[in-house]
Amino acid sequence: MRFETVTSATNAKIRHLITLQEKSRARREEGLFVVEGRRELGHCLEAGFIPRTVFACGSILPAEDRERLLGAASTANPDLNVIEIPDHLYAKVAYREGTEGILAEVSCRYPCLDDLTLPENPLIIVLESVEKPGNLGAVLRSADAAGADAVILCDPLTDLYNPNLIRASLGGIFTNRVVAAPGEEVISWLKAHGIRILTAQLQDSLPYYDTPMTGPTALVMGTESTGLTDPWRKAADAHIRIPMLGRLDSLNVSVSAAILLFEAVRQRQL
């Protein structure tokens, strides 16, 4: 583990950190992303991600947390570079307030469908073309809470390591098994593994609570504006809907995902 101190906002390593935070292209090209916060970095390290550089503000980060996180990070990468930064510089590079004085540049991972190891009776959530990082992050929190076995993103329109997504998920991007793949490939994979496809849609559908979810199940959801594409509607074993009793005809995708996930949990606990 190598230590150094940086105090200038014009330092090349500080500029690099900010670039990774702001530009998805830089994250893709370099295979690096930024994690901010004690909790998020802890989940990241527990999931086996490899940190490259840690930026720590000693006056904000308690000594006990600093020792724990740096110890875990150096175990993952013995050549870890730790950069000490002062309060004023941390305030400049921190993506949000209240993140407790630590950020890290971490190597990206892009697992594929074949990397997923499923239990005998899996519960999976599939999201097609979800665009907003905040929505996706909220779904990941619900998937973690419900004990989902995987989250599969089909044709995603947002960067998996977008700082807003990591923040909104509270580290759920690391606690869930998350895979991105083309829709047609996911449909074939689900069929080959005997996983029942339930698509959330208004047309030709039954209330979600009247649909069995006790066996291997994939809950498939699209965007609020366009819903699911035809290949998913045709591949579905059942179409389900959340009854809307008011004047509006849709819920936020993260709210809908939570309702369906916990209905599956309820049925499986009966």
C-alpha atoms as a PDB file:
ATOM      1  CA  MET A   1       0.000   0.000   0.000  1.00  0.00           C
ATOM      2  CA  ARG A   2       1.453   3.342  -1.093  1.00  0.00           C
ATOM      3  CA  PHE A   3       0.556   6.635   0.573  1.00  0.00           C
ATOM      4  CA  GLU A   4       0.817  10.167  -0.771  1.00  0.00           C
ATOM      5  CA  THR A   5      -0.754  13.541  -0.035  1.00  0.00           C
ATOM      6  CA  VAL A   6      -2.438  15.787  -2.601  1.00  0.00           C
ATOM      7  CA  THR A   7      -3.652  19.292  -1.791  1.00  0.00           C
ATOM      8  CA  SER A   8      -4.255  20.880  -5.207  1.00  0.00           C
ATOM      9  CA  ALA A   9      -7.407  20.593  -7.316  1.00  0.00           C
ATOM     10  CA  THR A  10      -5.230  20.804 -10.430  1.00  0.00           C
ATOM     11  CA  ASN A  11      -3.357  17.613  -9.561  1.00  0.00           C
ATOM     12  CA  ALA A  12      -3.611  15.070 -12.390  1.00  0.00           C
ATOM     13  CA  LYS A  13      -5.006  12.357 -10.095  1.00  0.00           C
ATOM     14  CA  ILE A  14      -7.750  14.663  -8.862  1.00  0.00           C
ATOM     15  CA  ARG A  15      -8.660  15.641 -12.421  1.00  0.00           C
ATOM     16  CA  HIS A  16      -8.739  11.948 -13.364  1.00  0.00           C
ATOM     17  CA  LEU A  17     -11.084  11.189 -10.472  1.00  0.00           C
ATOM     18  CA  ILE A  18     -13.485  13.932 -11.518  1.00  0.00           C
ATOM     19  CA  THR A  19     -13.413  12.755 -15.140  1.00  0.00           C
ATOM     20  CA  LEU A  20     -14.407   9.241 -14.080  1.00  0.00           C
ATOM     21  CA  GLN A  21     -17.283  10.672 -12.056  1.00  0.00           C
ATOM     22  CA  GLU A  22     -18.599  12.809 -14.882  1.00  0.00           C
ATOM     23  CA  LYS A  23     -17.976  10.884 -18.102  1.00  0.00           C
ATOM     24  CA  SER A  24     -19.360   7.440 -18.889  1.00  0.00           C
ATOM     25  CA  ARG A  25     -17.052   7.206 -21.896  1.00  0.00           C
ATOM     26  CA  ALA A  26     -14.003   7.535 -19.643  1.00  0.00           C
ATOM     27  CA  ARG A  27     -15.373   4.816 -17.369  1.00  0.00           C
ATOM     28  CA  ARG A  28     -15.890   2.475 -20.311  1.00  0.00           C
ATOM     29  CA  GLU A  29     -12.516   3.159 -21.920  1.00  0.00           C
ATOM     30  CA  GLU A  30     -10.514   2.827 -18.711  1.00  0.00           C
ATOM     31  CA  GLY A  31     -12.579   0.121 -17.072  1.00  0.00           C
ATOM     32  CA  LEU A  32     -12.780   2.153 -13.864  1.00  0.00           C
ATOM     33  CA  PHE A  33     -15.578   3.733 -11.851  1.00  0.00           C
ATOM     34  CA  VAL A  34     -15.856   5.732  -8.625  1.00  0.00           C
ATOM     35  CA  VAL A  35     -17.371   4.546  -5.337  1.00  0.00           C
ATOM     36  CA  GLU A  36     -18.094   7.123  -2.663  1.00  0.00           C
ATOM     37  CA  GLY A  37     -18.973   6.540   0.990  1.00  0.00           C
ATOM     38  CA  ARG A  38     -18.134   4.083   3.760  1.00  0.00           C
ATOM     39  CA  ARG A  39     -21.155   1.844   3.282  1.00  0.00           C
ATOM     40  CA  GLU A  40     -20.928   1.730  -0.506  1.00  0.00           C
ATOM     41  CA  LEU A  41     -17.195   1.024  -0.529  1.00  0.00           C
ATOM     42  CA  GLY A  42     -17.658  -1.662   2.096  1.00  0.00           C
ATOM     43  CA  HIS A  43     -20.266  -3.462  -0.028  1.00  0.00           C
ATOM     44  CA  CYS A  44     -18.054  -3.038  -3.081  1.00  0.00           C
ATOM     45  CA  LEU A  45     -15.063  -4.683  -1.408  1.00  0.00           C
ATOM     46  CA  GLU A  46     -17.190  -7.479   0.067  1.00  0.00           C
ATOM     47  CA  ALA A  47     -18.409  -8.253  -3.467  1.00  0.00           C
ATOM     48  CA  GLY A  48     -14.816  -8.793  -4.604  1.00  0.00           C
ATOM     49  CA  PHE A  49     -14.287  -5.675  -6.690  1.00  0.00           C
ATOM     50  CA  ILE A  50     -10.668  -4.533  -7.010  1.00  0.00           C
ATOM     51  CA  PRO A  51      -9.847  -0.967  -5.874  1.00  0.00           C
ATOM     52  CA  ARG A  52      -7.047   0.870  -7.661  1.00  0.00           C
ATOM     53  CA  THR A  53      -6.858   4.151  -5.727  1.00  0.00           C
ATOM     54  CA  VAL A  54      -8.478   5.355  -2.512  1.00  0.00           C
ATOM     55  CA  PHE A  55      -8.913   9.052  -1.689  1.00  0.00           C
ATOM     56  CA  ALA A  56      -9.294   9.606   2.046  1.00  0.00           C
ATOM     57  CA  CYS A  57      -9.995  12.721   4.092  1.00  0.00           C
ATOM     58  CA  GLY A  58      -8.679  11.909   7.557  1.00  0.00           C
ATOM     59  CA  SER A  59     -10.476  14.731   9.359  1.00  0.00           C
ATOM     60  CA  ILE A  60     -13.856  13.382   8.168  1.00  0.00           C
ATOM     61  CA  LEU A  61     -13.292   9.628   8.109  1.00  0.00           C
ATOM     62  CA  PRO A  62     -13.115   8.126  11.637  1.00  0.00           C
ATOM     63  CA  ALA A  63      -9.867   6.276  12.347  1.00  0.00           C
ATOM     64  CA  GLU A  64     -11.642   2.962  12.974  1.00  0.00           C
ATOM     65  CA  ASP A  65     -13.473   3.087   9.644  1.00  0.00           C
ATOM     66  CA  ARG A  66     -10.335   4.205   7.860  1.00  0.00           C
ATOM     67  CA  GLU A  67      -8.361   1.244   9.198  1.00  0.00           C
ATOM     68  CA  ARG A  68     -11.113  -1.233   8.311  1.00  0.00           C
ATOM     69  CA  LEU A  69     -11.681   0.023   4.781  1.00  0.00           C
ATOM     70  CA  LEU A  70      -8.033   0.487   3.897  1.00  0.00           C
ATOM     71  CA  GLY A  71      -7.265  -2.957   5.309  1.00  0.00           C
ATOM     72  CA  ALA A  72      -9.956  -4.572   3.161  1.00  0.00           C
ATOM     73  CA  ALA A  73      -8.916  -2.571   0.095  1.00  0.00           C
ATOM     74  CA  SER A  74      -5.243  -3.472   0.475  1.00  0.00           C
ATOM     75  CA  THR A  75      -6.176  -7.141   0.872  1.00  0.00           C
ATOM     76  CA  ALA A  76      -7.951  -6.935  -2.475  1.00  0.00           C
ATOM     77  CA  ASN A  77      -5.051  -5.032  -4.028  1.00  0.00           C
ATOM     78  CA  PRO A  78      -1.656  -5.069  -2.227  1.00  0.00           C
ATOM     79  CA  ASP A  79      -0.441  -2.331  -4.588  1.00  0.00           C
ATOM     80  CA  LEU A  80      -3.243  -0.001  -3.556  1.00  0.00           C
ATOM     81  CA  ASN A  81      -2.491   3.709  -3.851  1.00  0.00           C
ATOM     82  CA  VAL A  82      -3.927   5.768  -0.964  1.00  0.00           C
ATOM     83  CA  ILE A  83      -4.146   9.519  -1.498  1.00  0.00           C
ATOM     84  CA  GLU A  84      -4.687  11.746   1.510  1.00  0.00           C
ATOM     85  CA  ILE A  85      -6.665  14.899   0.721  1.00  0.00           C
ATOM     86  CA  PRO A  86      -7.679  17.887   2.911  1.00  0.00           C
ATOM     87  CA  ASP A  87     -11.240  18.979   3.687  1.00  0.00           C
ATOM     88  CA  HIS A  88     -11.465  21.669   1.023  1.00  0.00           C
ATOM     89  CA  LEU A  89     -10.341  19.281  -1.709  1.00  0.00           C
ATOM     90  CA  TYR A  90     -12.650  16.511  -0.555  1.00  0.00           C
ATOM     91  CA  ALA A  91     -15.560  18.966  -0.722  1.00  0.00           C
ATOM     92  CA  LYS A  92     -14.641  19.625  -4.349  1.00  0.00           C
ATOM     93  CA  VAL A  93     -14.363  16.009  -5.471  1.00  0.00           C
ATOM     94  CA  ALA A  94     -17.181  14.467  -3.405  1.00  0.00           C
ATOM     95  CA  TYR A  95     -20.158  13.709  -5.621  1.00  0.00           C
ATOM     96  CA  ARG A  96     -22.621  14.274  -2.819  1.00  0.00           C
ATOM     97  CA  GLU A  97     -22.712  15.569   0.737  1.00  0.00           C
ATOM     98  CA  GLY A  98     -22.352  13.393   3.804  1.00  0.00           C
ATOM     99  CA  THR A  99     -20.254  10.588   2.312  1.00  0.00           C
ATOM    100  CA  GLU A 100     -17.908  10.379   5.256  1.00  0.00           C
ATOM    101  CA  GLY A 101     -14.574  11.194   3.721  1.00  0.00           C
ATOM    102  CA  ILE A 102     -13.700   8.360   1.347  1.00  0.00           C
ATOM    103  CA  LEU A 103     -13.804   7.688  -2.393  1.00  0.00           C
ATOM    104  CA  ALA A 104     -12.195   4.985  -4.488  1.00  0.00           C
ATOM    105  CA  GLU A 105     -11.428   4.254  -8.108  1.00  0.00           C
ATOM    106  CA  VAL A 106     -12.406   0.632  -8.725  1.00  0.00           C
ATOM    107  CA  SER A 107     -12.087  -1.764 -11.657  1.00  0.00           C
ATOM    108  CA  CYS A 108     -15.347  -2.438 -13.514  1.00  0.00           C
ATOM    109  CA  ARG A 109     -16.788  -5.919 -13.882  1.00  0.00           C
ATOM    110  CA  TYR A 110     -19.206  -6.956 -16.626  1.00  0.00           C
ATOM    111  CA  PRO A 111     -20.484 -10.466 -15.880  1.00  0.00           C
ATOM    112  CA  CYS A 112     -22.554 -12.336 -18.467  1.00  0.00           C
ATOM    113  CA  LEU A 113     -25.565 -14.621 -18.147  1.00  0.00           C
ATOM    114  CA  ASP A 114     -23.392 -17.733 -18.012  1.00  0.00           C
ATOM    115  CA  ASP A 115     -21.683 -16.345 -14.916  1.00  0.00           C
ATOM    116  CA  LEU A 116     -24.922 -16.529 -12.931  1.00  0.00           C
ATOM    117  CA  THR A 117     -25.226 -19.437 -10.512  1.00  0.00           C
ATOM    118  CA  LEU A 118     -28.873 -19.868  -9.625  1.00  0.00           C
ATOM    119  CA  PRO A 119     -30.567 -21.759  -6.800  1.00  0.00           C
ATOM    120  CA  GLU A 120     -33.161 -24.450  -7.494  1.00  0.00           C
ATOM    121  CA  ASN A 121     -36.063 -21.993  -7.324  1.00  0.00           C
ATOM    122  CA  PRO A 122     -34.785 -18.600  -8.490  1.00  0.00           C
ATOM    123  CA  LEU A 123     -36.521 -15.246  -8.339  1.00  0.00           C
ATOM    124  CA  ILE A 124     -35.197 -12.854 -10.962  1.00  0.00           C
ATOM    125  CA  ILE A 125     -36.112  -9.332 -11.954  1.00  0.00           C
ATOM    126  CA  VAL A 126     -35.586  -8.273 -15.565  1.00  0.00           C
ATOM    127  CA  LEU A 127     -35.625  -4.633 -16.626  1.00  0.00           C
ATOM    128  CA  GLU A 128     -35.825  -3.601 -20.263  1.00  0.00           C
ATOM    129  CA  SER A 129     -34.342  -0.264 -21.370  1.00  0.00           C
ATOM    130  CA  VAL A 130     -34.704   1.476 -18.016  1.00  0.00           C
ATOM    131  CA  GLU A 131     -33.092   4.856 -18.527  1.00  0.00           C
ATOM    132  CA  LYS A 132     -33.009   6.766 -15.238  1.00  0.00           C
ATOM    133  CA  PRO A 133     -30.171   5.821 -12.860  1.00  0.00           C
ATOM    134  CA  GLY A 134     -32.289   6.743  -9.834  1.00  0.00           C
ATOM    135  CA  ASN A 135     -35.036   4.315 -10.845  1.00  0.00           C
ATOM    136  CA  LEU A 136     -32.587   1.516 -11.474  1.00  0.00           C
ATOM    137  CA  GLY A 137     -30.839   2.171  -8.174  1.00  0.00           C
ATOM    138  CA  ALA A 138     -34.164   2.007  -6.323  1.00  0.00           C
ATOM    139  CA  VAL A 139     -35.017  -1.307  -8.011  1.00  0.00           C
ATOM    140  CA  LEU A 140     -31.677  -2.710  -6.892  1.00  0.00           C
ATOM    141  CA  ARG A 141     -32.477  -1.761  -3.290  1.00  0.00           C
ATOM    142  CA  SER A 142     -35.810  -3.594  -3.536  1.00  0.00           C
ATOM    143  CA  ALA A 143     -34.171  -6.615  -5.161  1.00  0.00           C
ATOM    144  CA  ASP A 144     -31.698  -6.811  -2.296  1.00  0.00           C
ATOM    145  CA  ALA A 145     -34.452  -6.437   0.303  1.00  0.00           C
ATOM    146  CA  ALA A 146     -36.549  -9.164  -1.324  1.00  0.00           C
ATOM    147  CA  GLY A 147     -33.592 -11.527  -1.684  1.00  0.00           C
ATOM    148  CA  ALA A 148     -33.834 -11.696  -5.488  1.00  0.00           C
ATOM    149  CA  ASP A 149     -31.321 -14.086  -7.020  1.00  0.00           C
ATOM    150  CA  ALA A 150     -30.377 -11.851  -9.956  1.00  0.00           C
ATOM    151  CA  VAL A 151     -31.171  -8.581 -11.667  1.00  0.00           C
ATOM    152  CA  ILE A 152     -30.885  -8.707 -15.459  1.00  0.00           C
ATOM    153  CA  LEU A 153     -30.745  -5.503 -17.474  1.00  0.00           C
ATOM    154  CA  CYS A 154     -31.834  -5.821 -21.089  1.00  0.00           C
ATOM    155  CA  ASP A 155     -30.549  -3.190 -23.508  1.00  0.00           C
ATOM    156  CA  PRO A 156     -29.840  -0.736 -20.664  1.00  0.00           C
ATOM    157  CA  LEU A 157     -29.862   2.969 -21.477  1.00  0.00           C
ATOM    158  CA  THR A 158     -27.804   3.968 -18.454  1.00  0.00           C
ATOM    159  CA  ASP A 159     -24.221   3.242 -17.464  1.00  0.00           C
ATOM    160  CA  LEU A 160     -24.138   0.462 -14.891  1.00  0.00           C
ATOM    161  CA  TYR A 161     -21.514   2.394 -12.919  1.00  0.00           C
ATOM    162  CA  ASN A 162     -23.118   5.812 -13.111  1.00  0.00           C
ATOM    163  CA  PRO A 163     -22.482   7.605  -9.777  1.00  0.00           C
ATOM    164  CA  ASN A 164     -26.204   8.413  -9.489  1.00  0.00           C
ATOM    165  CA  LEU A 165     -27.045   4.722  -9.834  1.00  0.00           C
ATOM    166  CA  ILE A 166     -24.523   3.702  -7.176  1.00  0.00           C
ATOM    167  CA  ARG A 167     -25.821   6.406  -4.855  1.00  0.00           C
ATOM    168  CA  ALA A 168     -29.505   5.576  -5.421  1.00  0.00           C
ATOM    169  CA  SER A 169     -28.856   1.867  -4.849  1.00  0.00           C
ATOM    170  CA  LEU A 170     -26.994   2.532  -1.554  1.00  0.00           C
ATOM    171  CA  GLY A 171     -24.488  -0.038  -2.756  1.00  0.00           C
ATOM    172  CA  GLY A 172     -27.157  -2.428  -4.069  1.00  0.00           C
ATOM    173  CA  ILE A 173     -25.264  -2.564  -7.348  1.00  0.00           C
ATOM    174  CA  PHE A 174     -22.696  -4.627  -5.390  1.00  0.00           C
ATOM    175  CA  THR A 175     -24.980  -6.689  -3.130  1.00  0.00           C
ATOM    176  CA  ASN A 176     -27.062  -7.988  -6.072  1.00  0.00           C
ATOM    177  CA  ARG A 177     -25.914 -10.206  -8.919  1.00  0.00           C
ATOM    178  CA  VAL A 178     -26.383  -7.846 -11.858  1.00  0.00           C
ATOM    179  CA  VAL A 179     -25.967  -8.797 -15.517  1.00  0.00           C
ATOM    180  CA  ALA A 180     -26.618  -6.833 -18.708  1.00  0.00           C
ATOM    181  CA  ALA A 181     -27.481  -8.621 -21.964  1.00  0.00           C
ATOM    182  CA  PRO A 182     -29.590  -8.213 -25.146  1.00  0.00           C
ATOM    183  CA  GLY A 183     -33.267  -8.990 -24.707  1.00  0.00           C
ATOM    184  CA  GLU A 184     -33.443 -11.893 -27.160  1.00  0.00           C
ATOM    185  CA  GLU A 185     -30.465 -13.536 -25.466  1.00  0.00           C
ATOM    186  CA  VAL A 186     -32.106 -13.186 -22.057  1.00  0.00           C
ATOM    187  CA  ILE A 187     -35.383 -14.678 -23.304  1.00  0.00           C
ATOM    188  CA  SER A 188     -33.546 -17.724 -24.672  1.00  0.00           C
ATOM    189  CA  TRP A 189     -31.567 -18.087 -21.445  1.00  0.00           C
ATOM    190  CA  LEU A 190     -34.684 -17.956 -19.253  1.00  0.00           C
ATOM    191  CA  LYS A 191     -36.476 -20.510 -21.432  1.00  0.00           C
ATOM    192  CA  ALA A 192     -33.461 -22.836 -21.400  1.00  0.00           C
ATOM    193  CA  HIS A 193     -33.361 -22.708 -17.584  1.00  0.00           C
ATOM    194  CA  GLY A 194     -37.084 -23.358 -17.163  1.00  0.00           C
ATOM    195  CA  ILE A 195     -37.766 -19.954 -15.612  1.00  0.00           C
ATOM    196  CA  ARG A 196     -41.325 -18.708 -16.007  1.00  0.00           C
ATOM    197  CA  ILE A 197     -41.561 -15.268 -17.613  1.00  0.00           C
ATOM    198  CA  LEU A 198     -44.138 -12.888 -16.116  1.00  0.00           C
ATOM    199  CA  THR A 199     -44.394  -9.589 -17.964  1.00  0.00           C
ATOM    200  CA  ALA A 200     -45.858  -6.516 -16.281  1.00  0.00           C
ATOM    201  CA  GLN A 201     -48.265  -4.911 -18.752  1.00  0.00           C
ATOM    202  CA  LEU A 202     -51.766  -3.491 -18.905  1.00  0.00           C
ATOM    203  CA  GLN A 203     -52.984  -5.376 -21.961  1.00  0.00           C
ATOM    204  CA  ASP A 204     -54.374  -8.919 -21.733  1.00  0.00           C
ATOM    205  CA  SER A 205     -53.219  -9.328 -18.131  1.00  0.00           C
ATOM    206  CA  LEU A 206     -54.329 -10.657 -14.747  1.00  0.00           C
ATOM    207  CA  PRO A 207     -53.868  -9.018 -11.338  1.00  0.00           C
ATOM    208  CA  TYR A 208     -50.420  -9.859 -10.026  1.00  0.00           C
ATOM    209  CA  TYR A 209     -51.788 -11.437  -6.848  1.00  0.00           C
ATOM    210  CA  ASP A 210     -53.775 -13.981  -8.908  1.00  0.00           C
ATOM    211  CA  THR A 211     -50.635 -15.203 -10.678  1.00  0.00           C
ATOM    212  CA  PRO A 212     -48.482 -17.981  -9.154  1.00  0.00           C
ATOM    213  CA  MET A 213     -44.897 -16.924  -8.414  1.00  0.00           C
ATOM    214  CA  THR A 214     -43.824 -19.833  -6.244  1.00  0.00           C
ATOM    215  CA  GLY A 215     -41.748 -21.596  -8.917  1.00  0.00           C
ATOM    216  CA  PRO A 216     -38.719 -20.316 -10.845  1.00  0.00           C
ATOM    217  CA  THR A 217     -39.857 -16.831 -11.855  1.00  0.00           C
ATOM    218  CA  ALA A 218     -38.630 -13.843 -13.831  1.00  0.00           C
ATOM    219  CA  LEU A 219     -40.543 -10.606 -13.273  1.00  0.00           C
ATOM    220  CA  VAL A 220     -40.082  -8.516 -16.403  1.00  0.00           C
ATOM    221  CA  MET A 221     -40.695  -4.780 -16.527  1.00  0.00           C
ATOM    222  CA  GLY A 222     -40.184  -2.007 -19.071  1.00  0.00           C
ATOM    223  CA  THR A 223     -40.240   1.767 -18.974  1.00  0.00           C
ATOM    224  CA  GLU A 224     -43.255   3.788 -17.853  1.00  0.00           C
ATOM    225  CA  SER A 225     -43.478   5.584 -21.201  1.00  0.00           C
ATOM    226  CA  THR A 226     -43.255   2.679 -23.657  1.00  0.00           C
ATOM    227  CA  GLY A 227     -43.623  -0.498 -21.606  1.00  0.00           C
ATOM    228  CA  LEU A 228     -42.171  -3.764 -22.884  1.00  0.00           C
ATOM    229  CA  THR A 229     -41.291  -4.559 -26.483  1.00  0.00           C
ATOM    230  CA  ASP A 230     -43.190  -7.198 -28.467  1.00  0.00           C
ATOM    231  CA  PRO A 231     -40.595  -9.987 -28.105  1.00  0.00           C
ATOM    232  CA  TRP A 232     -41.114  -9.967 -24.345  1.00  0.00           C
ATOM    233  CA  ARG A 233     -44.912  -9.876 -24.624  1.00  0.00           C
ATOM    234  CA  LYS A 234     -44.822 -12.864 -26.987  1.00  0.00           C
ATOM    235  CA  ALA A 235     -42.321 -14.814 -24.887  1.00  0.00           C
ATOM    236  CA  ALA A 236     -44.285 -14.372 -21.657  1.00  0.00           C
ATOM    237  CA  ASP A 237     -45.829 -17.311 -19.843  1.00  0.00           C
ATOM    238  CA  ALA A 238     -48.249 -14.883 -18.188  1.00  0.00           C
ATOM    239  CA  HIS A 239     -49.077 -11.176 -18.303  1.00  0.00           C
ATOM    240  CA  ILE A 240     -49.597  -9.463 -14.966  1.00  0.00           C
ATOM    241  CA  ARG A 241     -50.725  -6.015 -13.869  1.00  0.00           C
ATOM    242  CA  ILE A 242     -50.977  -3.937 -10.732  1.00  0.00           C
ATOM    243  CA  PRO A 243     -54.575  -2.670 -10.505  1.00  0.00           C
ATOM    244  CA  MET A 244     -54.744   1.127 -10.722  1.00  0.00           C
ATOM    245  CA  LEU A 245     -57.702   2.424  -8.729  1.00  0.00           C
ATOM    246  CA  GLY A 246     -57.138   6.131  -9.246  1.00  0.00           C
ATOM    247  CA  ARG A 247     -57.067   8.351 -12.312  1.00  0.00           C
ATOM    248  CA  LEU A 248     -53.420   7.653 -13.240  1.00  0.00           C
ATOM    249  CA  ASP A 249     -52.522   4.593 -15.271  1.00  0.00           C
ATOM    250  CA  SER A 250     -48.981   3.774 -14.170  1.00  0.00           C
ATOM    251  CA  LEU A 251     -46.547   3.606 -11.270  1.00  0.00           C
ATOM    252  CA  ASN A 252     -42.861   4.411 -11.157  1.00  0.00           C
ATOM    253  CA  VAL A 253     -40.968   1.307 -12.288  1.00  0.00           C
ATOM    254  CA  SER A 254     -39.141   1.058  -8.974  1.00  0.00           C
ATOM    255  CA  VAL A 255     -42.422   1.087  -7.030  1.00  0.00           C
ATOM    256  CA  SER A 256     -43.918  -1.528  -9.339  1.00  0.00           C
ATOM    257  CA  ALA A 257     -40.848  -3.722  -9.002  1.00  0.00           C
ATOM    258  CA  ALA A 258     -41.052  -3.593  -5.205  1.00  0.00           C
ATOM    259  CA  ILE A 259     -44.733  -4.575  -5.222  1.00  0.00           C
ATOM    260  CA  LEU A 260     -44.158  -7.553  -7.516  1.00  0.00           C
ATOM    261  CA  LEU A 261     -41.013  -8.725  -5.749  1.00  0.00           C
ATOM    262  CA  PHE A 262     -42.650  -8.779  -2.347  1.00  0.00           C
ATOM    263  CA  GLU A 263     -45.732 -10.504  -3.704  1.00  0.00           C
ATOM    264  CA  ALA A 264     -43.386 -13.271  -4.847  1.00  0.00           C
ATOM    265  CA  VAL A 265     -41.818 -13.317  -1.390  1.00  0.00           C
ATOM    266  CA  ARG A 266     -45.281 -13.492   0.230  1.00  0.00           C
ATOM    267  CA  GLN A 267     -46.369 -16.404  -1.939  1.00  0.00           C
ATOM    268  CA  ARG A 268     -43.158 -18.309  -1.305  1.00  0.00           C
ATOM    269  CA  GLN A 269     -43.550 -17.986   2.458  1.00  0.00           C
ATOM    270  CA  LEU A 270     -47.092 -19.362   2.590  1.00  0.00           C
END
